[in-house]
């Protein structure tokens, strides 16, 4: 994945669940979603965004979660954003 525009955010060593996910992804050689760096950098400021995303993608809906994932992946691709 390309580097973020905010290198201080990406290189910031934080604690918490997203820092652990970042570390695990890096150790496994997987690309780390850049939004995880923001969640790890400012966890209190971004916890509402994480809850919102979880509810939209996994909460009750007439669309199955897999279809919602496909819509998100398609939209990301159209926006030239890795998903």
N, C-alpha and C. Protein backbone atom coordinates (compact mmCIF):
# COMPACT_ATOMS: atom_id res chain seq x y z
N UNK A 1 0.83 -1.18 0.00
CA UNK A 1 0.00 0.00 0.00
C UNK A 1 0.88 1.24 0.00
N UNK A 2 0.40 2.27 -0.63
CA UNK A 2 1.15 3.51 -0.65
C UNK A 2 1.20 4.13 0.75
N UNK A 3 2.25 4.92 0.99
CA UNK A 3 2.35 5.61 2.27
C UNK A 3 1.24 6.63 2.41
N UNK A 4 0.90 6.92 3.64
CA UNK A 4 -0.10 7.93 3.91
C UNK A 4 0.49 9.31 3.67
N UNK A 5 -0.39 10.27 3.54
CA UNK A 5 0.07 11.65 3.43
C UNK A 5 0.53 12.17 4.79
N UNK A 6 0.00 11.61 5.86
CA UNK A 6 0.35 12.04 7.21
C UNK A 6 1.28 11.01 7.84
N UNK A 7 2.54 11.10 7.52
CA UNK A 7 3.51 10.10 7.97
C UNK A 7 3.58 10.00 9.50
N UNK A 8 3.35 11.11 10.21
CA UNK A 8 3.37 11.07 11.68
C UNK A 8 2.26 10.19 12.22
N UNK A 9 1.14 10.15 11.53
CA UNK A 9 0.03 9.29 11.95
C UNK A 9 0.40 7.83 11.75
N UNK A 10 0.97 7.52 10.60
CA UNK A 10 1.31 6.14 10.28
C UNK A 10 2.44 5.61 11.16
N UNK A 11 3.38 6.45 11.51
CA UNK A 11 4.52 5.99 12.30
C UNK A 11 4.30 6.09 13.80
N UNK A 12 3.18 6.69 14.21
CA UNK A 12 2.87 6.87 15.63
C UNK A 12 2.71 5.51 16.31
N UNK A 13 3.42 5.31 17.41
CA UNK A 13 3.29 4.07 18.18
C UNK A 13 2.23 4.28 19.25
N UNK A 14 1.11 3.61 19.10
CA UNK A 14 0.01 3.74 20.04
C UNK A 14 -0.28 2.39 20.68
N UNK A 15 -1.19 2.40 21.62
CA UNK A 15 -1.62 1.16 22.25
C UNK A 15 -3.09 0.97 21.95
N UNK A 16 -3.55 -0.26 22.05
CA UNK A 16 -4.96 -0.55 21.83
C UNK A 16 -5.16 -1.55 20.72
N UNK A 17 -6.43 -1.86 20.47
CA UNK A 17 -6.73 -2.94 19.51
C UNK A 17 -6.27 -2.66 18.08
N UNK A 18 -6.34 -1.42 17.64
CA UNK A 18 -5.91 -1.15 16.27
C UNK A 18 -4.39 -1.19 16.13
N UNK A 19 -3.69 -0.77 17.17
CA UNK A 19 -2.22 -0.90 17.14
C UNK A 19 -1.82 -2.37 17.04
N UNK A 20 -2.55 -3.21 17.77
CA UNK A 20 -2.27 -4.65 17.72
C UNK A 20 -2.56 -5.21 16.32
N UNK A 21 -3.67 -4.78 15.71
CA UNK A 21 -3.99 -5.24 14.36
C UNK A 21 -2.93 -4.78 13.36
N UNK A 22 -2.47 -3.55 13.50
CA UNK A 22 -1.43 -3.03 12.61
C UNK A 22 -0.16 -3.87 12.74
N UNK A 23 0.22 -4.12 13.96
CA UNK A 23 1.44 -4.92 14.21
C UNK A 23 1.31 -6.33 13.63
N UNK A 24 0.16 -6.95 13.85
CA UNK A 24 -0.06 -8.31 13.33
C UNK A 24 -0.03 -8.31 11.80
N UNK A 25 -0.66 -7.32 11.19
CA UNK A 25 -0.66 -7.24 9.72
C UNK A 25 0.73 -7.05 9.17
N UNK A 26 1.48 -6.16 9.78
CA UNK A 26 2.86 -5.92 9.32
C UNK A 26 3.71 -7.17 9.48
N UNK A 27 3.58 -7.84 10.63
CA UNK A 27 4.37 -9.06 10.88
C UNK A 27 4.02 -10.17 9.90
N UNK A 28 2.77 -10.21 9.45
CA UNK A 28 2.34 -11.24 8.51
C UNK A 28 2.61 -10.84 7.06
N UNK A 29 3.08 -9.59 6.86
CA UNK A 29 3.38 -9.13 5.50
C UNK A 29 2.16 -8.67 4.73
N UNK A 30 1.05 -8.41 5.43
CA UNK A 30 -0.17 -7.95 4.77
C UNK A 30 -0.20 -6.42 4.71
N UNK A 31 -0.82 -5.87 3.67
CA UNK A 31 -0.99 -4.41 3.64
C UNK A 31 -1.96 -4.00 4.74
N UNK A 32 -1.64 -2.95 5.43
CA UNK A 32 -2.45 -2.47 6.56
C UNK A 32 -3.38 -1.37 6.08
N UNK A 33 -4.70 -1.53 6.29
CA UNK A 33 -5.61 -0.44 5.90
C UNK A 33 -5.22 0.86 6.60
N UNK A 34 -5.12 1.92 5.83
CA UNK A 34 -4.63 3.18 6.38
C UNK A 34 -5.53 3.75 7.45
N UNK A 35 -6.82 3.45 7.38
CA UNK A 35 -7.72 4.00 8.40
C UNK A 35 -7.39 3.43 9.78
N UNK A 36 -6.81 2.23 9.83
CA UNK A 36 -6.40 1.66 11.13
C UNK A 36 -5.38 2.57 11.81
N UNK A 37 -4.52 3.21 11.02
CA UNK A 37 -3.52 4.12 11.62
C UNK A 37 -4.22 5.31 12.28
N UNK A 38 -5.25 5.82 11.64
CA UNK A 38 -6.00 6.92 12.23
C UNK A 38 -6.72 6.46 13.50
N UNK A 39 -7.32 5.27 13.46
CA UNK A 39 -7.99 4.74 14.65
C UNK A 39 -7.00 4.55 15.80
N UNK A 40 -5.79 4.12 15.50
CA UNK A 40 -4.77 3.91 16.54
C UNK A 40 -4.21 5.25 17.04
N UNK A 41 -4.15 6.24 16.15
CA UNK A 41 -3.58 7.54 16.50
C UNK A 41 -4.50 8.32 17.44
N UNK A 42 -5.78 8.31 17.17
CA UNK A 42 -6.77 9.06 17.96
C UNK A 42 -7.95 8.14 18.31
N UNK A 43 -7.74 7.16 19.17
CA UNK A 43 -8.81 6.19 19.43
C UNK A 43 -10.09 6.79 19.99
N UNK A 44 -9.99 7.74 20.88
CA UNK A 44 -11.22 8.33 21.45
C UNK A 44 -11.97 9.16 20.42
N UNK A 45 -11.25 9.78 19.52
CA UNK A 45 -11.88 10.62 18.51
C UNK A 45 -12.48 9.80 17.37
N UNK A 46 -12.04 8.56 17.20
CA UNK A 46 -12.50 7.76 16.07
C UNK A 46 -13.37 6.57 16.47
N UNK A 47 -13.58 6.36 17.77
CA UNK A 47 -14.37 5.19 18.19
C UNK A 47 -15.79 5.25 17.64
N UNK A 48 -16.37 6.46 17.52
CA UNK A 48 -17.71 6.57 16.96
C UNK A 48 -17.74 6.15 15.49
N UNK A 49 -16.66 6.45 14.75
CA UNK A 49 -16.58 6.05 13.35
C UNK A 49 -16.50 4.53 13.22
N UNK A 50 -15.74 3.91 14.11
CA UNK A 50 -15.63 2.44 14.10
C UNK A 50 -16.98 1.81 14.41
N UNK A 51 -17.69 2.35 15.40
CA UNK A 51 -19.02 1.82 15.74
C UNK A 51 -20.00 2.02 14.58
N UNK A 52 -19.97 3.20 13.96
CA UNK A 52 -20.84 3.50 12.83
C UNK A 52 -20.59 2.50 11.69
N UNK A 53 -19.32 2.31 11.35
CA UNK A 53 -18.97 1.40 10.26
C UNK A 53 -19.43 -0.02 10.57
N UNK A 54 -19.21 -0.46 11.79
CA UNK A 54 -19.63 -1.80 12.18
C UNK A 54 -21.15 -1.96 12.05
N UNK A 55 -21.89 -0.96 12.49
CA UNK A 55 -23.35 -1.02 12.40
C UNK A 55 -23.82 -1.03 10.95
N UNK A 56 -23.22 -0.20 10.11
CA UNK A 56 -23.63 -0.13 8.71
C UNK A 56 -23.31 -1.45 8.00
N UNK A 57 -22.14 -2.00 8.27
CA UNK A 57 -21.71 -3.20 7.55
C UNK A 57 -22.25 -4.50 8.14
N UNK A 58 -22.52 -4.52 9.43
CA UNK A 58 -22.91 -5.77 10.08
C UNK A 58 -24.26 -5.73 10.80
N UNK A 59 -24.83 -4.54 10.94
CA UNK A 59 -26.10 -4.41 11.65
C UNK A 59 -27.27 -4.90 10.82
N UNK A 60 -28.46 -4.88 11.41
CA UNK A 60 -29.67 -5.32 10.69
C UNK A 60 -29.87 -4.54 9.40
N UNK A 61 -30.24 -5.25 8.34
CA UNK A 61 -30.41 -4.62 7.04
C UNK A 61 -31.13 -5.60 6.11
N UNK A 62 -31.88 -5.08 5.13
CA UNK A 62 -32.46 -5.99 4.14
C UNK A 62 -31.39 -6.58 3.21
N UNK A 63 -30.18 -5.99 3.20
CA UNK A 63 -29.08 -6.52 2.38
C UNK A 63 -28.16 -7.38 3.23
N UNK A 64 -27.79 -8.56 2.75
CA UNK A 64 -26.83 -9.38 3.49
C UNK A 64 -25.47 -8.67 3.61
N UNK A 65 -24.72 -9.02 4.64
CA UNK A 65 -23.41 -8.39 4.87
C UNK A 65 -22.49 -8.56 3.66
N UNK A 66 -22.53 -9.70 3.00
CA UNK A 66 -21.68 -9.93 1.83
C UNK A 66 -21.97 -8.96 0.69
N UNK A 67 -23.24 -8.66 0.47
CA UNK A 67 -23.62 -7.69 -0.57
C UNK A 67 -23.13 -6.29 -0.19
N UNK A 68 -23.26 -5.95 1.09
CA UNK A 68 -22.76 -4.64 1.54
C UNK A 68 -21.26 -4.54 1.34
N UNK A 69 -20.53 -5.64 1.60
CA UNK A 69 -19.08 -5.65 1.36
C UNK A 69 -18.78 -5.46 -0.12
N UNK A 70 -19.55 -6.12 -0.99
CA UNK A 70 -19.34 -5.96 -2.43
C UNK A 70 -19.60 -4.53 -2.88
N UNK A 71 -20.64 -3.91 -2.35
CA UNK A 71 -20.93 -2.50 -2.68
C UNK A 71 -19.77 -1.61 -2.24
N UNK A 72 -19.27 -1.85 -1.03
CA UNK A 72 -18.14 -1.05 -0.52
C UNK A 72 -16.89 -1.27 -1.37
N UNK A 73 -16.63 -2.52 -1.75
CA UNK A 73 -15.45 -2.81 -2.57
C UNK A 73 -15.58 -2.18 -3.95
N UNK A 74 -16.76 -2.27 -4.55
CA UNK A 74 -16.99 -1.66 -5.86
C UNK A 74 -16.81 -0.15 -5.80
N UNK A 75 -17.39 0.47 -4.78
CA UNK A 75 -17.28 1.92 -4.62
C UNK A 75 -15.82 2.33 -4.42
N UNK A 76 -15.10 1.59 -3.60
CA UNK A 76 -13.69 1.89 -3.37
C UNK A 76 -12.89 1.78 -4.66
N UNK A 77 -13.18 0.74 -5.43
CA UNK A 77 -12.47 0.54 -6.70
C UNK A 77 -12.76 1.72 -7.65
N UNK A 78 -14.01 2.12 -7.73
CA UNK A 78 -14.38 3.25 -8.60
C UNK A 78 -13.68 4.53 -8.17
N UNK A 79 -13.43 4.66 -6.86
CA UNK A 79 -12.75 5.84 -6.33
C UNK A 79 -11.23 5.67 -6.29
N UNK A 80 -10.75 4.55 -6.88
CA UNK A 80 -9.32 4.23 -6.89
C UNK A 80 -8.75 4.21 -5.47
N UNK A 81 -9.50 3.62 -4.58
CA UNK A 81 -9.12 3.51 -3.16
C UNK A 81 -9.01 2.04 -2.80
N UNK A 82 -7.86 1.57 -2.32
CA UNK A 82 -7.74 0.15 -1.95
C UNK A 82 -8.76 -0.20 -0.87
N UNK A 83 -9.36 -1.34 -1.01
CA UNK A 83 -10.37 -1.79 -0.04
C UNK A 83 -9.92 -3.07 0.60
